[in-house]
Amino acid sequence: MIHLHLTALVLAIILFIITYNSIDSPDGESKYSKALHMVLRVIYLIILFTGLMLFLDFSSGDQMMYGLKFLAGLITIGLMEMALIKQRKKGTGRNLVIALVIFLIVTIALGIYLPAGPLSALFA
């Protein structure tokens, strides 16, 4: 389940960058940006489902840290979606992208730190 979660997370980051740049292209909005955005939303659902499963499996050990990781992940997904919507409406989504990067770093750092993370698996 962790591998599916990490794979979906990497795909979401890559698709977010591609979608954000296709909306922001100088030629106007790409005809594929709407389809990419819909695929990205499906990947959000996969991330949420696998994250919930991991939360339920591992939260018995350190409930507060897993709760913070889950909350940071929800905020990260929300910021991804808000940045794309703001960009689509011809606003500047730059501030949202900066906040997204900060929350993404926090979420990844919490995921690495927690006992189910890859850093803990090295020393187990």
PDB file of N, CA and C in Angstrom:
ATOM      1  N   MET A   1       0.821  -1.191   0.000  1.00  0.00           N
ATOM      2  CA  MET A   1       0.000   0.000   0.000  1.00  0.00           C
ATOM      3  C   MET A   1       0.872   1.265   0.000  1.00  0.00           C
ATOM      4  N   ILE A   2       2.019   1.181   0.666  1.00  0.00           N
ATOM      5  CA  ILE A   2       2.912   2.345   0.699  1.00  0.00           C
ATOM      6  C   ILE A   2       3.449   2.639  -0.697  1.00  0.00           C
ATOM      7  N   HIS A   3       3.756   1.587  -1.454  1.00  0.00           N
ATOM      8  CA  HIS A   3       4.289   1.789  -2.804  1.00  0.00           C
ATOM      9  C   HIS A   3       3.260   2.450  -3.710  1.00  0.00           C
ATOM     10  N   LEU A   4       2.000   2.047  -3.605  1.00  0.00           N
ATOM     11  CA  LEU A   4       0.941   2.669  -4.397  1.00  0.00           C
ATOM     12  C   LEU A   4       0.776   4.137  -4.002  1.00  0.00           C
ATOM     13  N   HIS A   5       0.851   4.413  -2.709  1.00  0.00           N
ATOM     14  CA  HIS A   5       0.715   5.781  -2.220  1.00  0.00           C
ATOM     15  C   HIS A   5       1.853   6.663  -2.744  1.00  0.00           C
ATOM     16  N   LEU A   6       3.080   6.171  -2.662  1.00  0.00           N
ATOM     17  CA  LEU A   6       4.222   6.951  -3.134  1.00  0.00           C
ATOM     18  C   LEU A   6       4.213   7.126  -4.652  1.00  0.00           C
ATOM     19  N   THR A   7       3.818   6.084  -5.369  1.00  0.00           N
ATOM     20  CA  THR A   7       3.729   6.183  -6.827  1.00  0.00           C
ATOM     21  C   THR A   7       2.679   7.206  -7.238  1.00  0.00           C
ATOM     22  N   ALA A   8       1.528   7.171  -6.581  1.00  0.00           N
ATOM     23  CA  ALA A   8       0.474   8.139  -6.886  1.00  0.00           C
ATOM     24  C   ALA A   8       0.912   9.556  -6.533  1.00  0.00           C
ATOM     25  N   LEU A   9       1.667   9.697  -5.461  1.00  0.00           N
ATOM     26  CA  LEU A   9       2.161  11.021  -5.068  1.00  0.00           C
ATOM     27  C   LEU A   9       3.127  11.575  -6.115  1.00  0.00           C
ATOM     28  N   VAL A  10       4.044  10.759  -6.583  1.00  0.00           N
ATOM     29  CA  VAL A  10       4.998  11.203  -7.610  1.00  0.00           C
ATOM     30  C   VAL A  10       4.264  11.537  -8.905  1.00  0.00           C
ATOM     31  N   LEU A  11       3.300  10.701  -9.296  1.00  0.00           N
ATOM     32  CA  LEU A  11       2.505  10.991 -10.497  1.00  0.00           C
ATOM     33  C   LEU A  11       1.726  12.287 -10.350  1.00  0.00           C
ATOM     34  N   ALA A  12       1.182  12.533  -9.167  1.00  0.00           N
ATOM     35  CA  ALA A  12       0.421  13.761  -8.937  1.00  0.00           C
ATOM     36  C   ALA A  12       1.313  14.987  -9.057  1.00  0.00           C
ATOM     37  N   ILE A  13       2.519  14.915  -8.523  1.00  0.00           N
ATOM     38  CA  ILE A  13       3.427  16.060  -8.615  1.00  0.00           C
ATOM     39  C   ILE A  13       3.805  16.325 -10.067  1.00  0.00           C
ATOM     40  N   ILE A  14       4.121  15.269 -10.804  1.00  0.00           N
ATOM     41  CA  ILE A  14       4.484  15.426 -12.219  1.00  0.00           C
ATOM     42  C   ILE A  14       3.305  15.957 -13.031  1.00  0.00           C
ATOM     43  N   LEU A  15       2.122  15.384 -12.825  1.00  0.00           N
ATOM     44  CA  LEU A  15       0.943  15.853 -13.561  1.00  0.00           C
ATOM     45  C   LEU A  15       0.553  17.264 -13.170  1.00  0.00           C
ATOM     46  N   PHE A  16       0.749  17.633 -11.900  1.00  0.00           N
ATOM     47  CA  PHE A  16       0.456  19.003 -11.486  1.00  0.00           C
ATOM     48  C   PHE A  16       1.344  19.977 -12.240  1.00  0.00           C
ATOM     49  N   ILE A  17       2.631  19.681 -12.329  1.00  0.00           N
ATOM     50  CA  ILE A  17       3.555  20.579 -13.028  1.00  0.00           C
ATOM     51  C   ILE A  17       3.188  20.693 -14.505  1.00  0.00           C
ATOM     52  N   ILE A  18       2.874  19.552 -15.126  1.00  0.00           N
ATOM     53  CA  ILE A  18       2.503  19.574 -16.544  1.00  0.00           C
ATOM     54  C   ILE A  18       1.208  20.342 -16.758  1.00  0.00           C
ATOM     55  N   THR A  19       0.212  20.099 -15.908  1.00  0.00           N
ATOM     56  CA  THR A  19      -1.080  20.769 -16.057  1.00  0.00           C
ATOM     57  C   THR A  19      -0.943  22.264 -15.794  1.00  0.00           C
ATOM     58  N   TYR A  20      -0.221  22.625 -14.761  1.00  0.00           N
ATOM     59  CA  TYR A  20      -0.045  24.045 -14.429  1.00  0.00           C
ATOM     60  C   TYR A  20       0.638  24.783 -15.573  1.00  0.00           C
ATOM     61  N   ASN A  21       1.653  24.163 -16.158  1.00  0.00           N
ATOM     62  CA  ASN A  21       2.356  24.806 -17.268  1.00  0.00           C
ATOM     63  C   ASN A  21       1.549  24.800 -18.553  1.00  0.00           C
ATOM     64  N   SER A  22       0.680  23.815 -18.767  1.00  0.00           N
ATOM     65  CA  SER A  22      -0.139  23.818 -19.977  1.00  0.00           C
ATOM     66  C   SER A  22      -1.246  24.869 -19.902  1.00  0.00           C
ATOM     67  N   ILE A  23      -1.701  25.175 -18.698  1.00  0.00           N
ATOM     68  CA  ILE A  23      -2.681  26.254 -18.540  1.00  0.00           C
ATOM     69  C   ILE A  23      -1.995  27.598 -18.737  1.00  0.00           C
ATOM     70  N   ASP A  24      -0.751  27.706 -18.291  1.00  0.00           N
ATOM     71  CA  ASP A  24       0.001  28.961 -18.292  1.00  0.00           C
ATOM     72  C   ASP A  24       0.750  29.186 -19.602  1.00  0.00           C
ATOM     73  N   SER A  25       0.533  28.356 -20.614  1.00  0.00           N
ATOM     74  CA  SER A  25       1.320  28.467 -21.843  1.00  0.00           C
ATOM     75  C   SER A  25       1.022  29.780 -22.567  1.00  0.00           C
ATOM     76  N   PRO A  26       2.001  30.326 -23.292  1.00  0.00           N
ATOM     77  CA  PRO A  26       1.806  31.609 -23.976  1.00  0.00           C
ATOM     78  C   PRO A  26       0.783  31.534 -25.105  1.00  0.00           C
ATOM     79  N   ASP A  27       0.526  30.345 -25.645  1.00  0.00           N
ATOM     80  CA  ASP A  27      -0.437  30.202 -26.738  1.00  0.00           C
ATOM     81  C   ASP A  27      -1.870  30.190 -26.233  1.00  0.00           C
ATOM     82  N   GLY A  28      -2.068  30.313 -24.957  1.00  0.00           N
ATOM     83  CA  GLY A  28      -3.394  30.144 -24.379  1.00  0.00           C
ATOM     84  C   GLY A  28      -3.464  28.768 -23.744  1.00  0.00           C
ATOM     85  N   GLU A  29      -4.630  28.414 -23.285  1.00  0.00           N
ATOM     86  CA  GLU A  29      -4.787  27.136 -22.598  1.00  0.00           C
ATOM     87  C   GLU A  29      -4.721  25.986 -23.598  1.00  0.00           C
ATOM     88  N   SER A  30      -3.947  24.970 -23.260  1.00  0.00           N
ATOM     89  CA  SER A  30      -3.809  23.798 -24.109  1.00  0.00           C
ATOM     90  C   SER A  30      -5.115  23.014 -24.121  1.00  0.00           C
ATOM     91  N   LYS A  31      -5.382  22.331 -25.225  1.00  0.00           N
ATOM     92  CA  LYS A  31      -6.623  21.554 -25.300  1.00  0.00           C
ATOM     93  C   LYS A  31      -6.562  20.307 -24.421  1.00  0.00           C
ATOM     94  N   TYR A  32      -5.371  19.938 -23.979  1.00  0.00           N
ATOM     95  CA  TYR A  32      -5.227  18.764 -23.129  1.00  0.00           C
ATOM     96  C   TYR A  32      -5.240  19.089 -21.635  1.00  0.00           C
ATOM     97  N   SER A  33      -5.236  20.358 -21.296  1.00  0.00           N
ATOM     98  CA  SER A  33      -5.123  20.710 -19.882  1.00  0.00           C
ATOM     99  C   SER A  33      -6.334  20.260 -19.078  1.00  0.00           C
ATOM    100  N   LYS A  34      -7.515  20.297 -19.655  1.00  0.00           N
ATOM    101  CA  LYS A  34      -8.706  19.863 -18.927  1.00  0.00           C
ATOM    102  C   LYS A  34      -8.678  18.353 -18.682  1.00  0.00           C
ATOM    103  N   ALA A  35      -8.236  17.581 -19.659  1.00  0.00           N
ATOM    104  CA  ALA A  35      -8.140  16.127 -19.486  1.00  0.00           C
ATOM    105  C   ALA A  35      -7.064  15.782 -18.454  1.00  0.00           C
ATOM    106  N   LEU A  36      -5.938  16.489 -18.501  1.00  0.00           N
ATOM    107  CA  LEU A  36      -4.885  16.257 -17.513  1.00  0.00           C
ATOM    108  C   LEU A  36      -5.368  16.579 -16.104  1.00  0.00           C
ATOM    109  N   HIS A  37      -6.160  17.647 -15.993  1.00  0.00           N
ATOM    110  CA  HIS A  37      -6.695  18.032 -14.694  1.00  0.00           C
ATOM    111  C   HIS A  37      -7.649  16.960 -14.158  1.00  0.00           C
ATOM    112  N   MET A  38      -8.437  16.368 -15.014  1.00  0.00           N
ATOM    113  CA  MET A  38      -9.350  15.308 -14.575  1.00  0.00           C
ATOM    114  C   MET A  38      -8.580  14.049 -14.153  1.00  0.00           C
ATOM    115  N   VAL A  39      -7.522  13.708 -14.872  1.00  0.00           N
ATOM    116  CA  VAL A  39      -6.684  12.562 -14.482  1.00  0.00           C
ATOM    117  C   VAL A  39      -6.012  12.849 -13.142  1.00  0.00           C
ATOM    118  N   LEU A  40      -5.577  14.074 -12.959  1.00  0.00           N
ATOM    119  CA  LEU A  40      -4.963  14.466 -11.692  1.00  0.00           C
ATOM    120  C   LEU A  40      -5.954  14.327 -10.537  1.00  0.00           C
ATOM    121  N   ARG A  41      -7.209  14.643 -10.774  1.00  0.00           N
ATOM    122  CA  ARG A  41      -8.228  14.487  -9.730  1.00  0.00           C
ATOM    123  C   ARG A  41      -8.442  13.020  -9.370  1.00  0.00           C
ATOM    124  N   VAL A  42      -8.346  12.136 -10.343  1.00  0.00           N
ATOM    125  CA  VAL A  42      -8.451  10.701 -10.042  1.00  0.00           C
ATOM    126  C   VAL A  42      -7.254  10.258  -9.190  1.00  0.00           C
ATOM    127  N   ILE A  43      -6.090  10.775  -9.509  1.00  0.00           N
ATOM    128  CA  ILE A  43      -4.902  10.440  -8.718  1.00  0.00           C
ATOM    129  C   ILE A  43      -5.028  10.995  -7.302  1.00  0.00           C
ATOM    130  N   TYR A  44      -5.665  12.173  -7.146  1.00  0.00           N
ATOM    131  CA  TYR A  44      -5.943  12.685  -5.803  1.00  0.00           C
ATOM    132  C   TYR A  44      -6.760  11.672  -5.000  1.00  0.00           C
ATOM    133  N   LEU A  45      -7.762  11.089  -5.641  1.00  0.00           N
ATOM    134  CA  LEU A  45      -8.599  10.095  -4.948  1.00  0.00           C
ATOM    135  C   LEU A  45      -7.786   8.871  -4.533  1.00  0.00           C
ATOM    136  N   ILE A  46      -6.879   8.442  -5.404  1.00  0.00           N
ATOM    137  CA  ILE A  46      -6.019   7.303  -5.067  1.00  0.00           C
ATOM    138  C   ILE A  46      -5.123   7.657  -3.879  1.00  0.00           C
ATOM    139  N   ILE A  47      -4.573   8.871  -3.887  1.00  0.00           N
ATOM    140  CA  ILE A  47      -3.729   9.311  -2.773  1.00  0.00           C
ATOM    141  C   ILE A  47      -4.534   9.354  -1.482  1.00  0.00           C
ATOM    142  N   LEU A  48      -5.736   9.899  -1.547  1.00  0.00           N
ATOM    143  CA  LEU A  48      -6.572   9.978  -0.347  1.00  0.00           C
ATOM    144  C   LEU A  48      -6.953   8.601   0.176  1.00  0.00           C
ATOM    145  N   PHE A  49      -7.310   7.693  -0.717  1.00  0.00           N
ATOM    146  CA  PHE A  49      -7.695   6.349  -0.296  1.00  0.00           C
ATOM    147  C   PHE A  49      -6.518   5.602   0.326  1.00  0.00           C
ATOM    148  N   THR A  50      -5.376   5.605  -0.350  1.00  0.00           N
ATOM    149  CA  THR A  50      -4.218   4.888   0.194  1.00  0.00           C
ATOM    150  C   THR A  50      -3.702   5.561   1.463  1.00  0.00           C
ATOM    151  N   GLY A  51      -3.769   6.891   1.519  1.00  0.00           N
ATOM    152  CA  GLY A  51      -3.361   7.596   2.726  1.00  0.00           C
ATOM    153  C   GLY A  51      -4.259   7.263   3.904  1.00  0.00           C
ATOM    154  N   LEU A  52      -5.559   7.137   3.653  1.00  0.00           N
ATOM    155  CA  LEU A  52      -6.488   6.749   4.719  1.00  0.00           C
ATOM    156  C   LEU A  52      -6.218   5.324   5.183  1.00  0.00           C
ATOM    157  N   MET A  53      -5.932   4.438   4.238  1.00  0.00           N
ATOM    158  CA  MET A  53      -5.609   3.065   4.625  1.00  0.00           C
ATOM    159  C   MET A  53      -4.323   3.001   5.455  1.00  0.00           C
ATOM    160  N   LEU A  54      -3.311   3.746   5.051  1.00  0.00           N
ATOM    161  CA  LEU A  54      -2.071   3.789   5.820  1.00  0.00           C
ATOM    162  C   LEU A  54      -2.298   4.419   7.191  1.00  0.00           C
ATOM    163  N   PHE A  55      -3.127   5.453   7.236  1.00  0.00           N
ATOM    164  CA  PHE A  55      -3.442   6.105   8.507  1.00  0.00           C
ATOM    165  C   PHE A  55      -4.124   5.122   9.460  1.00  0.00           C
ATOM    166  N   LEU A  56      -5.055   4.348   8.944  1.00  0.00           N
ATOM    167  CA  LEU A  56      -5.757   3.387   9.796  1.00  0.00           C
ATOM    168  C   LEU A  56      -4.849   2.235  10.217  1.00  0.00           C
ATOM    169  N   ASP A  57      -3.921   1.839   9.358  1.00  0.00           N
ATOM    170  CA  ASP A  57      -3.009   0.734   9.686  1.00  0.00           C
ATOM    171  C   ASP A  57      -1.956   1.116  10.723  1.00  0.00           C
ATOM    172  N   PHE A  58      -1.387   2.318  10.589  1.00  0.00           N
ATOM    173  CA  PHE A  58      -0.217   2.663  11.388  1.00  0.00           C
ATOM    174  C   PHE A  58      -0.473   3.682  12.491  1.00  0.00           C
ATOM    175  N   SER A  59      -1.671   4.224  12.600  1.00  0.00           N
ATOM    176  CA  SER A  59      -1.885   5.311  13.556  1.00  0.00           C
ATOM    177  C   SER A  59      -1.942   4.856  15.002  1.00  0.00           C
ATOM    178  N   SER A  60      -1.900   3.563  15.251  1.00  0.00           N
ATOM    179  CA  SER A  60      -1.949   3.106  16.641  1.00  0.00           C
ATOM    180  C   SER A  60      -0.665   3.448  17.388  1.00  0.00           C
ATOM    181  N   GLY A  61       0.428   3.658  16.689  1.00  0.00           N
ATOM    182  CA  GLY A  61       1.702   3.944  17.335  1.00  0.00           C
ATOM    183  C   GLY A  61       1.840   5.392  17.757  1.00  0.00           C
ATOM    184  N   ASP A  62       1.769   6.306  16.842  1.00  0.00           N
ATOM    185  CA  ASP A  62       1.951   7.721  17.125  1.00  0.00           C
ATOM    186  C   ASP A  62       0.808   8.486  16.469  1.00  0.00           C
ATOM    187  N   GLN A  63      -0.297   8.569  17.158  1.00  0.00           N
ATOM    188  CA  GLN A  63      -1.523   9.088  16.559  1.00  0.00           C
ATOM    189  C   GLN A  63      -1.426  10.556  16.169  1.00  0.00           C
ATOM    190  N   MET A  64      -0.782  11.365  16.991  1.00  0.00           N
ATOM    191  CA  MET A  64      -0.715  12.788  16.691  1.00  0.00           C
ATOM    192  C   MET A  64       0.105  13.060  15.421  1.00  0.00           C
ATOM    193  N   MET A  65       1.241  12.417  15.276  1.00  0.00           N
ATOM    194  CA  MET A  65       2.084  12.658  14.105  1.00  0.00           C
ATOM    195  C   MET A  65       1.409  12.153  12.827  1.00  0.00           C
ATOM    196  N   TYR A  66       0.743  10.998  12.912  1.00  0.00           N
ATOM    197  CA  TYR A  66       0.018  10.514  11.740  1.00  0.00           C
ATOM    198  C   TYR A  66      -1.155  11.419  11.407  1.00  0.00           C
ATOM    199  N   GLY A  67      -1.796  11.962  12.429  1.00  0.00           N
ATOM    200  CA  GLY A  67      -2.884  12.916  12.193  1.00  0.00           C
ATOM    201  C   GLY A  67      -2.383  14.184  11.534  1.00  0.00           C
ATOM    202  N   LEU A  68      -1.228  14.679  11.979  1.00  0.00           N
ATOM    203  CA  LEU A  68      -0.645  15.863  11.349  1.00  0.00           C
ATOM    204  C   LEU A  68      -0.231  15.586   9.909  1.00  0.00           C
ATOM    205  N   LYS A  69       0.296  14.392   9.657  1.00  0.00           N
ATOM    206  CA  LYS A  69       0.671  14.010   8.284  1.00  0.00           C
ATOM    207  C   LYS A  69      -0.560  13.956   7.394  1.00  0.00           C
ATOM    208  N   PHE A  70      -1.652  13.378   7.930  1.00  0.00           N
ATOM    209  CA  PHE A  70      -2.893  13.290   7.158  1.00  0.00           C
ATOM    210  C   PHE A  70      -3.434  14.691   6.864  1.00  0.00           C
ATOM    211  N   LEU A  71      -3.411  15.573   7.855  1.00  0.00           N
ATOM    212  CA  LEU A  71      -3.880  16.939   7.670  1.00  0.00           C
ATOM    213  C   LEU A  71      -3.004  17.699   6.676  1.00  0.00           C
ATOM    214  N   ALA A  72      -1.685  17.538   6.785  1.00  0.00           N
ATOM    215  CA  ALA A  72      -0.781  18.202   5.841  1.00  0.00           C
ATOM    216  C   ALA A  72      -0.999  17.683   4.420  1.00  0.00           C
ATOM    217  N   GLY A  73      -1.282  16.384   4.276  1.00  0.00           N
ATOM    218  CA  GLY A  73      -1.571  15.829   2.963  1.00  0.00           C
ATOM    219  C   GLY A  73      -2.856  16.383   2.370  1.00  0.00           C
ATOM    220  N   LEU A  74      -3.881  16.524   3.192  1.00  0.00           N
ATOM    221  CA  LEU A  74      -5.137  17.116   2.715  1.00  0.00           C
ATOM    222  C   LEU A  74      -4.940  18.569   2.282  1.00  0.00           C
ATOM    223  N   ILE A  75      -4.177  19.315   3.070  1.00  0.00           N
ATOM    224  CA  ILE A  75      -3.911  20.709   2.715  1.00  0.00           C
ATOM    225  C   ILE A  75      -3.102  20.780   1.425  1.00  0.00           C
ATOM    226  N   THR A  76      -2.153  19.876   1.249  1.00  0.00           N
ATOM    227  CA  THR A  76      -1.345  19.848   0.027  1.00  0.00           C
ATOM    228  C   THR A  76      -2.214  19.596  -1.200  1.00  0.00           C
ATOM    229  N   ILE A  77      -3.101  18.625  -1.111  1.00  0.00           N
ATOM    230  CA  ILE A  77      -3.990  18.331  -2.240  1.00  0.00           C
ATOM    231  C   ILE A  77      -4.919  19.510  -2.501  1.00  0.00           C
ATOM    232  N   GLY A  78      -5.423  20.127  -1.443  1.00  0.00           N
ATOM    233  CA  GLY A  78      -6.282  21.297  -1.605  1.00  0.00           C
ATOM    234  C   GLY A  78      -5.557  22.448  -2.282  1.00  0.00           C
ATOM    235  N   LEU A  79      -4.309  22.678  -1.892  1.00  0.00           N
ATOM    236  CA  LEU A  79      -3.532  23.749  -2.517  1.00  0.00           C
ATOM    237  C   LEU A  79      -3.219  23.449  -3.980  1.00  0.00           C
ATOM    238  N   MET A  80      -2.987  22.177  -4.305  1.00  0.00           N
ATOM    239  CA  MET A  80      -2.763  21.814  -5.709  1.00  0.00           C
ATOM    240  C   MET A  80      -3.998  22.166  -6.543  1.00  0.00           C
ATOM    241  N   GLU A  81      -5.143  21.791  -6.039  1.00  0.00           N
ATOM    242  CA  GLU A  81      -6.385  22.041  -6.769  1.00  0.00           C
ATOM    243  C   GLU A  81      -6.672  23.546  -6.865  1.00  0.00           C
ATOM    244  N   MET A  82      -6.477  24.274  -5.767  1.00  0.00           N
ATOM    245  CA  MET A  82      -6.748  25.715  -5.789  1.00  0.00           C
ATOM    246  C   MET A  82      -5.791  26.454  -6.719  1.00  0.00           C
ATOM    247  N   ALA A  83      -4.532  26.034  -6.780  1.00  0.00           N
ATOM    248  CA  ALA A  83      -3.575  26.686  -7.678  1.00  0.00           C
ATOM    249  C   ALA A  83      -3.966  26.478  -9.137  1.00  0.00           C
ATOM    250  N   LEU A  84      -4.419  25.270  -9.468  1.00  0.00           N
ATOM    251  CA  LEU A  84      -4.834  25.018 -10.854  1.00  0.00           C
ATOM    252  C   LEU A  84      -6.095  25.799 -11.216  1.00  0.00           C
ATOM    253  N   ILE A  85      -7.053  25.867 -10.305  1.00  0.00           N
ATOM    254  CA  ILE A  85      -8.287  26.605 -10.579  1.00  0.00           C
ATOM    255  C   ILE A  85      -7.988  28.098 -10.718  1.00  0.00           C
ATOM    256  N   LYS A  86      -7.139  28.622  -9.828  1.00  0.00           N
ATOM    257  CA  LYS A  86      -6.779  30.039  -9.894  1.00  0.00           C
ATOM    258  C   LYS A  86      -6.055  30.347 -11.206  1.00  0.00           C
ATOM    259  N   GLN A  87      -5.190  29.453 -11.634  1.00  0.00           N
ATOM    260  CA  GLN A  87      -4.465  29.646 -12.890  1.00  0.00           C
ATOM    261  C   GLN A  87      -5.416  29.571 -14.082  1.00  0.00           C
ATOM    262  N   ARG A  88      -6.382  28.683 -14.022  1.00  0.00           N
ATOM    263  CA  ARG A  88      -7.347  28.534 -15.115  1.00  0.00           C
ATOM    264  C   ARG A  88      -8.216  29.783 -15.251  1.00  0.00           C
ATOM    265  N   LYS A  89      -8.495  30.447 -14.129  1.00  0.00           N
ATOM    266  CA  LYS A  89      -9.327  31.649 -14.159  1.00  0.00           C
ATOM    267  C   LYS A  89      -8.496  32.898 -14.427  1.00  0.00           C
ATOM    268  N   LYS A  90      -7.322  32.716 -14.958  1.00  0.00           N
ATOM    269  CA  LYS A  90      -6.407  33.796 -15.362  1.00  0.00           C
ATOM    270  C   LYS A  90      -5.944  34.638 -14.188  1.00  0.00           C
ATOM    271  N   GLY A  91      -5.908  34.063 -13.020  1.00  0.00           N
ATOM    272  CA  GLY A  91      -5.328  34.740 -11.863  1.00  0.00           C
ATOM    273  C   GLY A  91      -3.876  34.323 -11.747  1.00  0.00           C
ATOM    274  N   THR A  92      -3.233  34.815 -10.742  1.00  0.00           N
ATOM    275  CA  THR A  92      -1.869  34.365 -10.506  1.00  0.00           C
ATOM    276  C   THR A  92      -1.904  33.357  -9.375  1.00  0.00           C
ATOM    277  N   GLY A  93      -1.558  32.151  -9.679  1.00  0.00           N
ATOM    278  CA  GLY A  93      -1.537  31.099  -8.678  1.00  0.00           C
ATOM    279  C   GLY A  93      -0.170  30.933  -8.042  1.00  0.00           C
ATOM    280  N   ARG A  94       0.715  31.912  -8.223  1.00  0.00           N
ATOM    281  CA  ARG A  94       2.093  31.802  -7.724  1.00  0.00           C
ATOM    282  C   ARG A  94       2.142  31.697  -6.198  1.00  0.00           C
ATOM    283  N   ASN A  95       1.344  32.493  -5.494  1.00  0.00           N
ATOM    284  CA  ASN A  95       1.354  32.434  -4.030  1.00  0.00           C
ATOM    285  C   ASN A  95       0.869  31.078  -3.540  1.00  0.00           C
ATOM    286  N   LEU A  96      -0.120  30.523  -4.219  1.00  0.00           N
ATOM    287  CA  LEU A  96      -0.614  29.204  -3.846  1.00  0.00           C
ATOM    288  C   LEU A  96       0.425  28.125  -4.131  1.00  0.00           C
ATOM    289  N   VAL A  97       1.188  28.299  -5.194  1.00  0.00           N
ATOM    290  CA  VAL A  97       2.240  27.327  -5.518  1.00  0.00           C
ATOM    291  C   VAL A  97       3.352  27.383  -4.474  1.00  0.00           C
ATOM    292  N   ILE A  98       3.669  28.576  -3.995  1.00  0.00           N
ATOM    293  CA  ILE A  98       4.688  28.696  -2.944  1.00  0.00           C
ATOM    294  C   ILE A  98       4.206  28.004  -1.672  1.00  0.00           C
ATOM    295  N   ALA A  99       2.953  28.240  -1.288  1.00  0.00           N
ATOM    296  CA  ALA A  99       2.390  27.563  -0.119  1.00  0.00           C
ATOM    297  C   ALA A  99       2.338  26.054  -0.345  1.00  0.00           C
ATOM    298  N   LEU A 100       2.035  25.651  -1.577  1.00  0.00           N
ATOM    299  CA  LEU A 100       1.991  24.226  -1.920  1.00  0.00           C
ATOM    300  C   LEU A 100       3.359  23.577  -1.726  1.00  0.00           C
ATOM    301  N   VAL A 101       4.400  24.229  -2.181  1.00  0.00           N
ATOM    302  CA  VAL A 101       5.751  23.674  -2.045  1.00  0.00           C
ATOM    303  C   VAL A 101       6.119  23.527  -0.567  1.00  0.00           C
ATOM    304  N   ILE A 102       5.768  24.522   0.239  1.00  0.00           N
ATOM    305  CA  ILE A 102       6.061  24.447   1.672  1.00  0.00           C
ATOM    306  C   ILE A 102       5.326  23.277   2.309  1.00  0.00           C
ATOM    307  N   PHE A 103       4.020  23.146   2.031  1.00  0.00           N
ATOM    308  CA  PHE A 103       3.258  22.047   2.620  1.00  0.00           C
ATOM    309  C   PHE A 103       3.680  20.693   2.053  1.00  0.00           C
ATOM    310  N   LEU A 104       4.107  20.657   0.802  1.00  0.00           N
ATOM    311  CA  LEU A 104       4.585  19.406   0.222  1.00  0.00           C
ATOM    312  C   LEU A 104       5.864  18.951   0.919  1.00  0.00           C
ATOM    313  N   ILE A 105       6.759  19.886   1.207  1.00  0.00           N
ATOM    314  CA  ILE A 105       7.993  19.549   1.924  1.00  0.00           C
ATOM    315  C   ILE A 105       7.670  19.054   3.330  1.00  0.00           C
ATOM    316  N   VAL A 106       6.732  19.719   4.006  1.00  0.00           N
ATOM    317  CA  VAL A 106       6.340  19.298   5.353  1.00  0.00           C
ATOM    318  C   VAL A 106       5.723  17.906   5.317  1.00  0.00           C
ATOM    319  N   THR A 107       4.864  17.653   4.346  1.00  0.00           N
ATOM    320  CA  THR A 107       4.195  16.356   4.230  1.00  0.00           C
ATOM    321  C   THR A 107       5.203  15.242   3.950  1.00  0.00           C
ATOM    322  N   ILE A 108       6.125  15.485   3.033  1.00  0.00           N
ATOM    323  CA  ILE A 108       7.129  14.479   2.707  1.00  0.00           C
ATOM    324  C   ILE A 108       8.062  14.247   3.893  1.00  0.00           C
ATOM    325  N   ALA A 109       8.438  15.331   4.587  1.00  0.00           N
ATOM    326  CA  ALA A 109       9.315  15.181   5.758  1.00  0.00           C
ATOM    327  C   ALA A 109       8.628  14.367   6.855  1.00  0.00           C
ATOM    328  N   LEU A 110       7.338  14.617   7.087  1.00  0.00           N
ATOM    329  CA  LEU A 110       6.606  13.827   8.077  1.00  0.00           C
ATOM    330  C   LEU A 110       6.508  12.368   7.641  1.00  0.00           C
ATOM    331  N   GLY A 111       6.292  12.138   6.347  1.00  0.00           N
ATOM    332  CA  GLY A 111       6.208  10.770   5.841  1.00  0.00           C
ATOM    333  C   GLY A 111       7.521  10.018   5.997  1.00  0.00           C
ATOM    334  N   ILE A 112       8.629  10.709   5.825  1.00  0.00           N
ATOM    335  CA  ILE A 112       9.941  10.074   5.995  1.00  0.00           C
ATOM    336  C   ILE A 112      10.226   9.812   7.466  1.00  0.00           C
ATOM    337  N   TYR A 113       9.808  10.739   8.329  1.00  0.00           N
ATOM    338  CA  TYR A 113      10.094  10.635   9.758  1.00  0.00           C
ATOM    339  C   TYR A 113       9.284   9.533  10.450  1.00  0.00           C
ATOM    340  N   LEU A 114       8.047   9.323  10.035  1.00  0.00           N
ATOM    341  CA  LEU A 114       7.165   8.393  10.731  1.00  0.00           C
ATOM    342  C   LEU A 114       7.647   6.951  10.612  1.00  0.00           C
ATOM    343  N   PRO A 115       7.234   6.082  11.548  1.00  0.00           N
ATOM    344  CA  PRO A 115       7.732   4.699  11.561  1.00  0.00           C
ATOM    345  C   PRO A 115       7.451   3.891  10.292  1.00  0.00           C
ATOM    346  N   ALA A 116       6.431   4.239   9.544  1.00  0.00           N
ATOM    347  CA  ALA A 116       6.155   3.509   8.301  1.00  0.00           C
ATOM    348  C   ALA A 116       6.961   4.076   7.137  1.00  0.00           C
ATOM    349  N   GLY A 117       7.735   5.117   7.363  1.00  0.00           N
ATOM    350  CA  GLY A 117       8.490   5.776   6.312  1.00  0.00           C
ATOM    351  C   GLY A 117       9.751   5.033   5.938  1.00  0.00           C
ATOM    352  N   PRO A 118      10.383   5.427   4.842  1.00  0.00           N
ATOM    353  CA  PRO A 118      11.568   4.726   4.350  1.00  0.00           C
ATOM    354  C   PRO A 118      12.787   4.878   5.253  1.00  0.00           C
ATOM    355  N   LEU A 119      12.903   5.998   5.953  1.00  0.00           N
ATOM    356  CA  LEU A 119      14.048   6.198   6.827  1.00  0.00           C
ATOM    357  C   LEU A 119      13.993   5.251   8.015  1.00  0.00           C
ATOM    358  N   SER A 120      12.825   5.040   8.547  1.00  0.00           N
ATOM    359  CA  SER A 120      12.669   4.106   9.684  1.00  0.00           C
ATOM    360  C   SER A 120      12.874   2.670   9.237  1.00  0.00           C
ATOM    361  N   ALA A 121      12.515   2.373   7.990  1.00  0.00           N
ATOM    362  CA  ALA A 121      12.674   1.008   7.494  1.00  0.00           C
ATOM    363  C   ALA A 121      14.156   0.643   7.334  1.00  0.00           C
ATOM    364  N   LEU A 122      14.995   1.636   7.109  1.00  0.00           N
ATOM    365  CA  LEU A 122      16.425   1.358   6.981  1.00  0.00           C
ATOM    366  C   LEU A 122      17.037   0.871   8.289  1.00  0.00           C
ATOM    367  N   PHE A 123      16.525   1.382   9.391  1.00  0.00           N
ATOM    368  CA  PHE A 123      17.112   1.075  10.683  1.00  0.00           C
ATOM    369  C   PHE A 123      16.307   0.075  11.494  1.00  0.00           C
ATOM    370  N   ALA A 124      15.326  -0.560  10.880  1.00  0.00           N
ATOM    371  CA  ALA A 124      14.491  -1.523  11.620  1.00  0.00           C
ATOM    372  C   ALA A 124      15.100  -2.903  11.607  1.00  0.00           C
TER     373      ALA A 124
END
